[in-house]
Amino acid sequence: MDMRELQIAAMILAAAFILTFKSNAACGVYRHEAESFLKAMPRDMQKRQAEAIREAIAGNNDRLDSMRMSRNIPGELPSGVSRRPVGENMALFRSSLYDNDTIPLMLYFHGGGWTIGSINSCSRFCSHMAANGVAVLAVDYRLAPEHPYPEGLDDCISAVVTAADSLGLWKCRGMVLGGDSSGGNLAIAAALSFPDNTFDGLVVFYPVTKAYPDNSPSWQTYGRGYGLDSELMEAFSDAYSSDVYNPRVSPAMASDCDLLKLPPTLIVAAECDILKDQGREFAERLKRLGKTVRYDVVPGSVHLFITVPGQAASFGRAVSEASEFICSEIR
């Protein structure tokens, strides 16, 4: 090996070292933020939430309504981003920076176990996506247990029809469905409810693909103390539907024929989350079917980084990946 070859080899090794160092440093940031986030969570909060949902299933909504109010706080909008109502249960987020452009549209369904959450709870994510050049239509669907499956999903499907009829009015092109956790579940179920080629993409964050305990390694490892306890997840599912093997409730139960309807898909998972293995298995199945799918695990992160402040690096990574994916699929 001559001197020039040695120099090139040294440069390659140095670049690899720098990339590894930066990657490890980023992992450390995600993990540190997640640890701080979990330490700040009130003790036994998730146990109390599960109890409130069980009480609501039995007919007493007092504690659940209080939980809902605590999450119903609008986020501050980035400079230039506006939020305007659409109908009675939707809001369109768009940035004035793109007033002269026709831009992609994302329909977004918030998380919250089908029982809590609102446009306000996901407004921070929606507004940051708008700042990145993606218009976002956020949907306030009806919540369980007062409105169990399929009522919330029906609202999401109705929002798709409204959006499809309004693309020209809103100066948008193409449609992508998205959501986090139970909202990701609704996004997949809504996509399965329309013919193939209706949507240009699907972007979901730590989605529920099985509305029942899957007893996977991630379910067993992260079932308590990592942002979404298994006890709470089971209460969410019980509030939403007893028909847990219905493919529109648990998309993992969908047939191969139905899954072939899905558009190019981005799944972003939290590493320390009971739902991680569900998302991975779903992504692997789509790949086996020949579908375009990207699966990314944010290292060290825990559930909730989309809608609950405290994991800024994970949130920023999710916004960046989602924006890049959508803009690459809708040109």
Protein backbone atom coordinates (compact mmCIF):
# COMPACT_ATOMS: atom_id res chain seq x y z
CA MET A 1 0.00 0.00 0.00
CA ASP A 2 1.55 3.33 -1.07
CA MET A 3 1.45 6.60 0.89
CA ARG A 4 -1.65 7.92 -0.93
CA GLU A 5 -3.56 4.71 -0.21
CA LEU A 6 -2.52 4.95 3.44
CA GLN A 7 -3.77 8.54 3.58
CA ILE A 8 -7.12 7.57 2.05
CA ALA A 9 -7.48 4.65 4.48
CA ALA A 10 -6.66 6.97 7.39
CA MET A 11 -9.28 9.48 6.22
CA ILE A 12 -11.91 6.75 5.95
CA LEU A 13 -11.11 5.50 9.46
CA ALA A 14 -11.22 9.04 10.83
CA ALA A 15 -14.59 9.70 9.18
CA ALA A 16 -15.97 6.43 10.55
CA PHE A 17 -14.72 7.34 14.02
CA ILE A 18 -16.37 10.77 13.84
CA LEU A 19 -19.67 9.31 12.65
CA THR A 20 -19.60 6.68 15.40
CA PHE A 21 -18.76 9.33 18.00
CA LYS A 22 -21.62 11.57 16.84
CA SER A 23 -24.03 8.62 16.75
CA ASN A 24 -23.07 7.55 20.27
CA ALA A 25 -23.37 11.14 21.47
CA ALA A 26 -26.86 11.42 19.97
CA CYS A 27 -27.88 8.14 21.60
CA GLY A 28 -26.69 9.53 24.89
CA VAL A 29 -28.88 12.62 24.46
CA TYR A 30 -31.99 10.57 23.67
CA ARG A 31 -31.36 8.31 26.66
CA HIS A 32 -30.60 11.18 29.05
CA GLU A 33 -33.76 13.04 28.05
CA ALA A 34 -35.86 9.90 28.45
CA GLU A 35 -34.46 9.24 31.91
CA SER A 36 -35.18 12.83 32.98
CA PHE A 37 -38.66 12.60 31.45
CA LEU A 38 -39.48 9.44 33.41
CA LYS A 39 -38.14 10.86 36.67
CA ALA A 40 -40.43 13.88 36.26
CA MET A 41 -43.56 11.75 35.83
CA PRO A 42 -45.76 11.76 38.96
CA ARG A 43 -45.56 8.56 40.97
CA ASP A 44 -48.28 6.01 40.15
CA MET A 45 -49.74 8.37 37.51
CA GLN A 46 -50.33 5.58 35.02
CA LYS A 47 -51.98 3.38 37.65
CA ARG A 48 -54.36 6.25 38.46
CA GLN A 49 -55.05 6.77 34.75
CA ALA A 50 -55.89 3.09 34.30
CA GLU A 51 -58.25 3.27 37.28
CA ALA A 52 -59.94 6.36 35.83
CA ILE A 53 -60.53 4.58 32.52
CA ARG A 54 -61.92 1.51 34.28
CA GLU A 55 -64.30 3.77 36.20
CA ALA A 56 -65.40 5.41 32.93
CA ILE A 57 -66.06 2.02 31.37
CA ALA A 58 -68.33 1.36 34.37
CA GLY A 59 -70.13 4.68 33.77
CA ASN A 60 -68.32 7.22 35.98
CA ASN A 61 -66.40 9.71 33.82
CA ASP A 62 -65.33 12.20 36.49
CA ARG A 63 -61.67 11.21 36.73
CA LEU A 64 -61.32 10.55 33.01
CA ASP A 65 -62.74 13.99 32.18
CA SER A 66 -60.16 15.52 34.52
CA MET A 67 -57.40 13.63 32.72
CA ARG A 68 -58.66 14.87 29.40
CA MET A 69 -58.68 18.48 30.53
CA SER A 70 -55.07 18.21 31.74
CA ARG A 71 -53.95 17.21 28.23
CA ASN A 72 -56.15 19.70 26.39
CA ILE A 73 -53.64 22.55 26.26
CA PRO A 74 -52.66 24.08 22.89
CA GLY A 75 -49.00 24.29 22.05
CA GLU A 76 -47.32 27.53 21.02
CA LEU A 77 -47.20 27.91 17.25
CA PRO A 78 -43.87 28.51 15.50
CA SER A 79 -43.46 31.84 13.74
CA GLY A 80 -45.53 32.02 10.56
CA VAL A 81 -47.67 28.96 11.32
CA SER A 82 -51.42 29.39 11.55
CA ARG A 83 -54.13 27.10 12.84
CA ARG A 84 -57.64 27.49 11.50
CA PRO A 85 -60.75 25.44 12.20
CA VAL A 86 -62.19 23.15 9.54
CA GLY A 87 -65.74 22.02 10.26
CA GLU A 88 -66.55 21.18 13.86
CA ASN A 89 -63.76 18.75 14.69
CA MET A 90 -60.70 19.53 12.57
CA ALA A 91 -57.96 22.15 12.32
CA LEU A 92 -55.60 22.97 9.45
CA PHE A 93 -52.00 23.91 10.27
CA ARG A 94 -50.11 25.75 7.52
CA SER A 95 -47.09 28.05 7.33
CA SER A 96 -47.20 31.42 5.59
CA LEU A 97 -43.71 30.65 4.25
CA TYR A 98 -45.43 28.36 1.74
CA ASP A 99 -48.37 30.58 0.79
CA ASN A 100 -47.28 30.57 -2.85
CA ASP A 101 -46.58 26.84 -2.97
CA THR A 102 -48.72 23.74 -3.38
CA ILE A 103 -47.51 21.47 -0.58
CA PRO A 104 -48.17 17.95 0.77
CA LEU A 105 -51.06 17.36 3.15
CA MET A 106 -50.87 15.12 6.20
CA LEU A 107 -53.98 14.02 8.09
CA TYR A 108 -53.02 13.52 11.72
CA PHE A 109 -54.81 11.48 14.38
CA HIS A 110 -53.62 12.13 17.93
CA GLY A 111 -52.66 9.46 20.43
CA GLY A 112 -54.10 8.89 23.89
CA GLY A 113 -55.32 5.32 23.93
CA TRP A 114 -58.50 6.22 22.03
CA THR A 115 -59.76 7.73 25.31
CA ILE A 116 -57.83 11.00 25.84
CA GLY A 117 -56.10 13.60 23.70
CA SER A 118 -57.26 16.26 21.24
CA ILE A 119 -56.06 18.57 18.51
CA ASN A 120 -54.48 20.61 21.29
CA SER A 121 -52.45 17.66 22.54
CA CYS A 122 -50.88 17.11 19.11
CA SER A 123 -50.70 20.76 18.03
CA ARG A 124 -46.97 21.07 18.79
CA PHE A 125 -46.15 18.26 16.38
CA CYS A 126 -48.63 19.46 13.74
CA SER A 127 -47.32 23.02 13.84
CA HIS A 128 -43.67 21.93 13.53
CA MET A 129 -44.57 19.78 10.54
CA ALA A 130 -46.28 22.84 9.02
CA ALA A 131 -43.11 24.87 9.60
CA ASN A 132 -41.27 22.21 7.59
CA GLY A 133 -43.51 22.63 4.57
CA VAL A 134 -46.23 20.02 5.22
CA ALA A 135 -49.82 21.19 5.74
CA VAL A 136 -51.47 19.18 8.53
CA LEU A 137 -55.15 18.51 9.09
CA ALA A 138 -55.57 17.39 12.72
CA VAL A 139 -58.73 15.54 13.72
CA ASP A 140 -60.69 15.52 16.97
CA TYR A 141 -62.32 12.11 16.71
CA ARG A 142 -64.85 10.86 19.25
CA LEU A 143 -63.31 9.19 22.29
CA ALA A 144 -63.96 5.90 24.08
CA PRO A 145 -65.46 4.53 26.22
CA GLU A 146 -68.44 6.83 25.49
CA HIS A 147 -67.78 6.33 21.77
CA PRO A 148 -66.17 2.92 21.26
CA TYR A 149 -65.05 1.40 17.97
CA PRO A 150 -65.97 2.15 15.22
CA GLU A 151 -67.10 5.71 16.05
CA GLY A 152 -63.65 7.28 16.38
CA LEU A 153 -62.44 5.51 13.24
CA ASP A 154 -65.57 6.67 11.39
CA ASP A 155 -64.62 10.27 12.22
CA CYS A 156 -61.13 9.70 10.82
CA ILE A 157 -62.55 8.21 7.63
CA SER A 158 -64.92 11.17 7.29
CA ALA A 159 -61.95 13.53 7.66
CA VAL A 160 -60.23 11.78 4.75
CA VAL A 161 -63.23 12.48 2.54
CA THR A 162 -63.23 16.15 3.57
CA ALA A 163 -59.51 16.45 2.87
CA ALA A 164 -59.78 14.78 -0.54
CA ASP A 165 -62.47 17.29 -1.52
CA SER A 166 -60.41 20.27 -0.27
CA LEU A 167 -56.93 19.70 -1.69
CA GLY A 168 -57.30 22.40 -4.31
CA LEU A 169 -58.87 24.88 -1.89
CA TRP A 170 -56.00 24.38 0.58
CA LYS A 171 -53.30 24.46 -2.13
CA CYS A 172 -52.21 20.93 -1.27
CA ARG A 173 -51.13 17.94 -3.32
CA GLY A 174 -51.26 14.34 -2.23
CA MET A 175 -52.37 12.90 1.11
CA VAL A 176 -50.47 11.16 3.88
CA LEU A 177 -52.08 9.63 6.97
CA GLY A 178 -50.30 9.84 10.30
CA GLY A 179 -50.68 9.38 14.02
CA ASP A 180 -48.97 8.37 17.25
CA SER A 181 -49.76 5.32 19.39
CA SER A 182 -53.55 4.78 19.17
CA GLY A 183 -53.58 7.55 16.56
CA GLY A 184 -51.14 5.46 14.55
CA ASN A 185 -53.56 2.57 14.90
CA LEU A 186 -56.36 4.75 13.53
CA ALA A 187 -54.16 5.95 10.66
CA ILE A 188 -53.43 2.36 9.59
CA ALA A 189 -57.06 1.32 10.02
CA ALA A 190 -58.25 4.32 7.99
CA ALA A 191 -55.76 3.51 5.23
CA LEU A 192 -57.08 -0.07 5.15
CA SER A 193 -60.62 1.28 4.75
CA PHE A 194 -59.95 2.83 1.33
CA PRO A 195 -58.91 1.36 -2.01
CA ASP A 196 -55.26 1.01 -2.93
CA ASN A 197 -53.55 4.21 -4.19
CA THR A 198 -55.83 6.53 -2.17
CA PHE A 199 -52.86 7.76 -0.12
CA ASP A 200 -49.29 8.71 -0.92
CA GLY A 201 -47.84 7.68 2.42
CA LEU A 202 -48.39 6.51 5.98
CA VAL A 203 -46.35 7.96 8.88
CA VAL A 204 -46.90 6.43 12.32
CA PHE A 205 -45.08 6.75 15.62
CA TYR A 206 -44.99 3.79 18.03
CA PRO A 207 -48.34 2.55 16.67
CA VAL A 208 -50.69 0.08 18.33
CA THR A 209 -51.02 -2.78 15.83
CA LYS A 210 -52.36 -5.28 18.38
CA ALA A 211 -55.04 -4.00 20.74
CA TYR A 212 -54.33 -6.73 23.25
CA PRO A 213 -51.33 -7.90 25.35
CA ASP A 214 -48.89 -9.39 22.85
CA ASN A 215 -46.45 -10.68 25.52
CA SER A 216 -43.53 -9.85 23.23
CA PRO A 217 -40.06 -9.21 24.70
CA SER A 218 -40.64 -5.44 24.58
CA TRP A 219 -44.04 -5.83 26.25
CA GLN A 220 -42.49 -7.84 29.07
CA THR A 221 -39.37 -5.69 29.45
CA TYR A 222 -40.99 -2.25 29.31
CA GLY A 223 -44.38 -3.06 30.79
CA ARG A 224 -43.91 -0.78 33.77
CA GLY A 225 -42.10 2.49 34.27
CA TYR A 226 -41.32 3.43 30.64
CA GLY A 227 -44.04 5.90 29.65
CA LEU A 228 -46.77 3.38 28.81
CA ASP A 229 -47.49 0.69 31.40
CA SER A 230 -49.10 -2.53 30.23
CA GLU A 231 -51.87 -2.06 32.82
CA LEU A 232 -52.79 1.27 31.23
CA MET A 233 -52.53 -0.07 27.68
CA GLU A 234 -54.92 -2.88 28.55
CA ALA A 235 -57.40 -0.38 30.02
CA PHE A 236 -57.18 1.70 26.83
CA SER A 237 -57.91 -1.35 24.69
CA ASP A 238 -60.81 -2.47 26.85
CA ALA A 239 -62.36 0.99 26.57
CA TYR A 240 -62.03 1.04 22.78
CA SER A 241 -63.29 -2.39 21.72
CA SER A 242 -63.84 -5.97 22.84
CA ASP A 243 -63.42 -7.13 19.23
CA VAL A 244 -59.63 -7.09 19.52
CA TYR A 245 -58.94 -9.45 16.63
CA ASN A 246 -60.85 -7.32 14.15
CA PRO A 247 -58.25 -6.06 11.61
CA ARG A 248 -59.62 -2.52 11.92
CA VAL A 249 -58.97 -2.69 15.68
CA SER A 250 -55.72 -4.67 15.50
CA PRO A 251 -54.16 -4.06 12.05
CA ALA A 252 -51.70 -6.89 12.63
CA MET A 253 -54.68 -9.19 12.04
CA ALA A 254 -55.25 -7.82 8.52
CA SER A 255 -54.84 -10.19 5.60
CA ASP A 256 -51.91 -9.95 3.21
CA CYS A 257 -54.36 -8.82 0.56
CA ASP A 258 -55.49 -5.90 2.73
CA LEU A 259 -51.97 -4.92 3.74
CA LEU A 260 -51.04 -4.67 0.07
CA LYS A 261 -53.35 -1.62 -0.02
CA LEU A 262 -51.02 0.34 2.24
CA PRO A 263 -48.91 3.13 0.72
CA PRO A 264 -45.18 3.66 1.41
CA THR A 265 -44.86 3.62 5.19
CA LEU A 266 -42.62 5.17 7.83
CA ILE A 267 -42.75 3.64 11.32
CA VAL A 268 -40.81 5.42 14.06
CA ALA A 269 -40.50 3.49 17.32
CA ALA A 270 -39.27 4.28 20.81
CA GLU A 271 -36.57 1.85 21.93
CA CYS A 272 -37.88 1.44 25.50
CA ASP A 273 -41.55 0.94 24.75
CA ILE A 274 -43.93 -2.00 25.11
CA LEU A 275 -45.15 -1.35 21.55
CA LYS A 276 -41.72 -1.54 19.91
CA ASP A 277 -41.96 -5.19 18.85
CA GLN A 278 -45.46 -4.67 17.44
CA GLY A 279 -44.14 -1.97 15.14
CA ARG A 280 -41.09 -4.00 14.14
CA GLU A 281 -43.17 -7.08 13.31
CA PHE A 282 -45.61 -4.98 11.29
CA ALA A 283 -42.76 -3.38 9.34
CA GLU A 284 -41.14 -6.75 8.66
CA ARG A 285 -44.42 -8.15 7.38
CA LEU A 286 -44.87 -5.21 5.00
CA LYS A 287 -41.33 -5.75 3.71
CA ARG A 288 -42.01 -9.43 3.07
CA LEU A 289 -45.02 -8.37 1.01
CA GLY A 290 -42.78 -6.16 -1.08
CA LYS A 291 -44.12 -2.87 0.28
CA THR A 292 -41.97 0.22 0.70
CA VAL A 293 -41.40 0.65 4.43
CA ARG A 294 -38.88 2.42 6.61
CA TYR A 295 -38.59 1.39 10.27
CA ASP A 296 -36.57 3.54 12.66
CA VAL A 297 -35.99 3.08 16.38
CA VAL A 298 -35.06 6.20 18.33
CA PRO A 299 -32.40 4.84 20.72
CA GLY A 300 -32.98 5.25 24.43
CA SER A 301 -36.34 6.95 23.96
CA VAL A 302 -39.63 6.10 25.64
CA HIS A 303 -43.29 6.42 24.67
CA LEU A 304 -44.98 9.86 24.38
CA PHE A 305 -42.22 11.92 22.73
CA ILE A 306 -44.62 13.16 20.05
CA THR A 307 -47.33 14.66 22.28
CA VAL A 308 -45.77 15.20 25.73
CA PRO A 309 -42.82 17.62 26.05
CA GLY A 310 -39.65 16.34 27.66
CA GLN A 311 -37.82 14.41 24.94
CA ALA A 312 -36.85 17.26 22.63
CA ALA A 313 -34.20 15.38 20.65
CA SER A 314 -36.53 12.46 19.93
CA PHE A 315 -39.30 14.88 18.97
CA GLY A 316 -36.98 16.78 16.63
CA ARG A 317 -35.78 13.57 15.00
CA ALA A 318 -39.37 12.45 14.45
CA VAL A 319 -40.37 15.76 12.84
CA SER A 320 -37.29 15.73 10.60
CA GLU A 321 -37.78 12.12 9.47
CA ALA A 322 -41.50 12.55 8.87
CA SER A 323 -41.00 15.75 6.86
CA GLU A 324 -38.25 14.23 4.73
CA PHE A 325 -40.26 11.06 4.11
CA ILE A 326 -43.42 12.91 3.11
CA CYS A 327 -41.63 15.34 0.81
CA SER A 328 -39.78 12.46 -0.85
CA GLU A 329 -43.03 10.58 -1.50
CA ILE A 330 -45.01 13.62 -2.70
CA ARG A 331 -42.99 15.63 -5.21
